[in-house]
Amino acid sequence: MPRRAAKPPPPEDNAAEPTVCALCERPIPEGARASRHHLTPRLKGGARLGTVLLHQICHNAIHARFNEAELARRLSEIPSLRAEPEIARFLDWVRNKPPDFHAATRRSRGKNGPFRGRRA
């Protein structure tokens, strides 16, 4: 069964600051696609550890580029993710998009090799 994207938490009052994506630091408007990212992947012992709220496109960009072992070993903090050259390029690109922007994310060839999905 597919997982649903998490909704940003409701503001506590009308004067509350808008929810902000931990990766790109753009606001996450109500109704925008967003999800929680486990800083240490659940499969690597992070089920009960910290999570951060991200735009869905930012979350997809992380998992399209890095496998669970790499995320657990060296990319379990937001600053280390931002320092990665591929994520830095993505962040430069996405910062100019509207806060509710979403587009399909392609997996990096380096993550799973040159062939992905079904072959014709």
C-alpha atoms as a PDB file:
ATOM      1  CA  MET A   1       0.000   0.000   0.000  1.00  0.00           C
ATOM      2  CA  PRO A   2       1.507   3.404  -0.960  1.00  0.00           C
ATOM      3  CA  ARG A   3       2.348   5.785   1.858  1.00  0.00           C
ATOM      4  CA  ARG A   4       0.606   9.099   2.019  1.00  0.00           C
ATOM      5  CA  ALA A   5       2.669  12.247   2.258  1.00  0.00           C
ATOM      6  CA  ALA A   6       2.551  13.751   5.724  1.00  0.00           C
ATOM      7  CA  LYS A   7       0.725  17.030   6.037  1.00  0.00           C
ATOM      8  CA  PRO A   8       2.519  19.904   7.706  1.00  0.00           C
ATOM      9  CA  PRO A   9       1.381  20.379  11.303  1.00  0.00           C
ATOM     10  CA  PRO A  10      -1.374  22.960  11.699  1.00  0.00           C
ATOM     11  CA  PRO A  11      -0.277  26.364  12.939  1.00  0.00           C
ATOM     12  CA  GLU A  12      -0.822  26.826  16.661  1.00  0.00           C
ATOM     13  CA  ASP A  13      -2.255  30.310  16.149  1.00  0.00           C
ATOM     14  CA  ASN A  14      -2.708  32.786  13.308  1.00  0.00           C
ATOM     15  CA  ALA A  15       0.537  34.604  14.141  1.00  0.00           C
ATOM     16  CA  ALA A  16       2.629  31.414  14.046  1.00  0.00           C
ATOM     17  CA  GLU A  17       5.586  31.221  11.705  1.00  0.00           C
ATOM     18  CA  PRO A  18       4.921  29.156   8.546  1.00  0.00           C
ATOM     19  CA  THR A  19       6.332  25.638   8.498  1.00  0.00           C
ATOM     20  CA  VAL A  20       9.721  25.627   6.745  1.00  0.00           C
ATOM     21  CA  CYS A  21      11.403  22.788   4.846  1.00  0.00           C
ATOM     22  CA  ALA A  22      14.483  21.682   6.775  1.00  0.00           C
ATOM     23  CA  LEU A  23      16.480  21.108   3.570  1.00  0.00           C
ATOM     24  CA  CYS A  24      15.705  24.003   1.194  1.00  0.00           C
ATOM     25  CA  GLU A  25      14.448  26.407   3.888  1.00  0.00           C
ATOM     26  CA  ARG A  26      11.462  27.491   1.776  1.00  0.00           C
ATOM     27  CA  PRO A  27       8.055  27.709   3.476  1.00  0.00           C
ATOM     28  CA  ILE A  28       5.751  24.700   3.191  1.00  0.00           C
ATOM     29  CA  PRO A  29       2.291  26.133   2.522  1.00  0.00           C
ATOM     30  CA  GLU A  30      -0.803  24.371   3.780  1.00  0.00           C
ATOM     31  CA  GLY A  31      -1.861  21.774   1.223  1.00  0.00           C
ATOM     32  CA  ALA A  32       1.597  21.479  -0.376  1.00  0.00           C
ATOM     33  CA  ARG A  33       3.118  18.020  -0.772  1.00  0.00           C
ATOM     34  CA  ALA A  34       5.367  17.350   2.215  1.00  0.00           C
ATOM     35  CA  SER A  35       6.668  14.354   4.154  1.00  0.00           C
ATOM     36  CA  ARG A  36       8.785  13.444   7.159  1.00  0.00           C
ATOM     37  CA  HIS A  37      12.371  12.353   6.501  1.00  0.00           C
ATOM     38  CA  HIS A  38      14.040  10.039   9.023  1.00  0.00           C
ATOM     39  CA  LEU A  39      17.510  11.481   9.568  1.00  0.00           C
ATOM     40  CA  THR A  40      18.724   7.919  10.182  1.00  0.00           C
ATOM     41  CA  PRO A  41      16.797   5.547   7.874  1.00  0.00           C
ATOM     42  CA  ARG A  42      14.290   3.295   9.606  1.00  0.00           C
ATOM     43  CA  LEU A  43      15.977   0.226   8.111  1.00  0.00           C
ATOM     44  CA  LYS A  44      19.226   1.305   9.768  1.00  0.00           C
ATOM     45  CA  GLY A  45      17.806   1.780  13.264  1.00  0.00           C
ATOM     46  CA  GLY A  46      16.206   5.192  12.883  1.00  0.00           C
ATOM     47  CA  ALA A  47      12.558   4.255  13.426  1.00  0.00           C
ATOM     48  CA  ARG A  48      12.472   5.996  16.811  1.00  0.00           C
ATOM     49  CA  LEU A  49      15.047   8.680  16.061  1.00  0.00           C
ATOM     50  CA  GLY A  50      14.570  12.213  14.745  1.00  0.00           C
ATOM     51  CA  THR A  51      12.620  13.245  11.675  1.00  0.00           C
ATOM     52  CA  VAL A  52      12.357  16.528   9.796  1.00  0.00           C
ATOM     53  CA  LEU A  53       9.580  17.871   7.604  1.00  0.00           C
ATOM     54  CA  LEU A  54      10.550  18.381   3.962  1.00  0.00           C
ATOM     55  CA  HIS A  55       8.838  19.344   0.737  1.00  0.00           C
ATOM     56  CA  GLN A  56       8.078  16.098  -1.074  1.00  0.00           C
ATOM     57  CA  ILE A  57      10.360  17.129  -3.956  1.00  0.00           C
ATOM     58  CA  CYS A  58      13.241  17.682  -1.486  1.00  0.00           C
ATOM     59  CA  HIS A  59      12.604  14.306   0.153  1.00  0.00           C
ATOM     60  CA  ASN A  60      12.502  12.606  -3.257  1.00  0.00           C
ATOM     61  CA  ALA A  61      15.766  14.297  -4.259  1.00  0.00           C
ATOM     62  CA  ILE A  62      17.553  12.800  -1.232  1.00  0.00           C
ATOM     63  CA  HIS A  63      16.323   9.253  -1.797  1.00  0.00           C
ATOM     64  CA  ALA A  64      16.879   9.436  -5.560  1.00  0.00           C
ATOM     65  CA  ARG A  65      20.579  10.101  -4.994  1.00  0.00           C
ATOM     66  CA  PHE A  66      21.580   8.119  -1.909  1.00  0.00           C
ATOM     67  CA  ASN A  67      20.921   4.611  -0.631  1.00  0.00           C
ATOM     68  CA  GLU A  68      19.892   3.845   2.958  1.00  0.00           C
ATOM     69  CA  ALA A  69      23.385   2.759   4.039  1.00  0.00           C
ATOM     70  CA  GLU A  70      24.967   5.970   2.767  1.00  0.00           C
ATOM     71  CA  LEU A  71      22.302   8.092   4.439  1.00  0.00           C
ATOM     72  CA  ALA A  72      22.860   6.301   7.759  1.00  0.00           C
ATOM     73  CA  ARG A  73      26.651   6.310   7.539  1.00  0.00           C
ATOM     74  CA  ARG A  74      27.451   9.882   6.557  1.00  0.00           C
ATOM     75  CA  LEU A  75      24.339  11.877   5.686  1.00  0.00           C
ATOM     76  CA  SER A  76      22.226  11.702   8.839  1.00  0.00           C
ATOM     77  CA  GLU A  77      22.277  15.461   9.423  1.00  0.00           C
ATOM     78  CA  ILE A  78      20.810  18.277   7.327  1.00  0.00           C
ATOM     79  CA  PRO A  79      24.134  20.210   7.043  1.00  0.00           C
ATOM     80  CA  SER A  80      25.878  17.115   5.656  1.00  0.00           C
ATOM     81  CA  LEU A  81      23.094  16.661   3.087  1.00  0.00           C
ATOM     82  CA  ARG A  82      23.308  20.319   2.034  1.00  0.00           C
ATOM     83  CA  ALA A  83      27.094  19.983   1.614  1.00  0.00           C
ATOM     84  CA  GLU A  84      26.746  17.128  -0.908  1.00  0.00           C
ATOM     85  CA  PRO A  85      27.415  18.506  -4.427  1.00  0.00           C
ATOM     86  CA  GLU A  86      24.350  16.827  -6.009  1.00  0.00           C
ATOM     87  CA  ILE A  87      22.017  18.132  -3.306  1.00  0.00           C
ATOM     88  CA  ALA A  88      23.663  21.583  -3.438  1.00  0.00           C
ATOM     89  CA  ARG A  89      22.906  21.745  -7.202  1.00  0.00           C
ATOM     90  CA  PHE A  90      19.331  20.633  -6.548  1.00  0.00           C
ATOM     91  CA  LEU A  91      18.939  23.293  -3.822  1.00  0.00           C
ATOM     92  CA  ASP A  92      20.262  26.033  -6.129  1.00  0.00           C
ATOM     93  CA  TRP A  93      17.638  24.972  -8.675  1.00  0.00           C
ATOM     94  CA  VAL A  94      14.657  24.512  -6.340  1.00  0.00           C
ATOM     95  CA  ARG A  95      15.165  27.760  -4.383  1.00  0.00           C
ATOM     96  CA  ASN A  96      13.776  29.709  -7.362  1.00  0.00           C
ATOM     97  CA  LYS A  97      10.577  27.646  -7.466  1.00  0.00           C
ATOM     98  CA  PRO A  98       7.313  28.558  -5.701  1.00  0.00           C
ATOM     99  CA  PRO A  99       6.888  27.019  -2.217  1.00  0.00           C
ATOM    100  CA  ASP A 100       4.212  24.569  -3.435  1.00  0.00           C
ATOM    101  CA  PHE A 101       6.202  23.459  -6.517  1.00  0.00           C
ATOM    102  CA  HIS A 102       6.402  19.718  -7.168  1.00  0.00           C
ATOM    103  CA  ALA A 103       7.725  17.717 -10.104  1.00  0.00           C
ATOM    104  CA  ALA A 104       8.702  14.112 -10.699  1.00  0.00           C
ATOM    105  CA  THR A 105      12.197  13.262  -9.497  1.00  0.00           C
ATOM    106  CA  ARG A 106      14.465  10.995 -11.517  1.00  0.00           C
ATOM    107  CA  ARG A 107      16.829   8.627  -9.768  1.00  0.00           C
ATOM    108  CA  SER A 108      20.516   9.239 -10.151  1.00  0.00           C
ATOM    109  CA  ARG A 109      22.270   6.790 -12.462  1.00  0.00           C
ATOM    110  CA  GLY A 110      24.974   6.368  -9.848  1.00  0.00           C
ATOM    111  CA  LYS A 111      22.589   5.077  -7.185  1.00  0.00           C
ATOM    112  CA  ASN A 112      21.463   1.846  -8.848  1.00  0.00           C
ATOM    113  CA  GLY A 113      23.581   1.616 -11.973  1.00  0.00           C
ATOM    114  CA  PRO A 114      22.788   2.607 -15.547  1.00  0.00           C
ATOM    115  CA  PHE A 115      19.608   0.491 -15.957  1.00  0.00           C
ATOM    116  CA  ARG A 116      16.535   1.091 -13.845  1.00  0.00           C
ATOM    117  CA  GLY A 117      13.054  -0.251 -14.032  1.00  0.00           C
ATOM    118  CA  ARG A 118      11.880  -2.491 -16.846  1.00  0.00           C
ATOM    119  CA  ARG A 119      13.999  -3.011 -19.899  1.00  0.00           C
ATOM    120  CA  ALA A 120      12.300  -2.879 -23.270  1.00  0.00           C
END
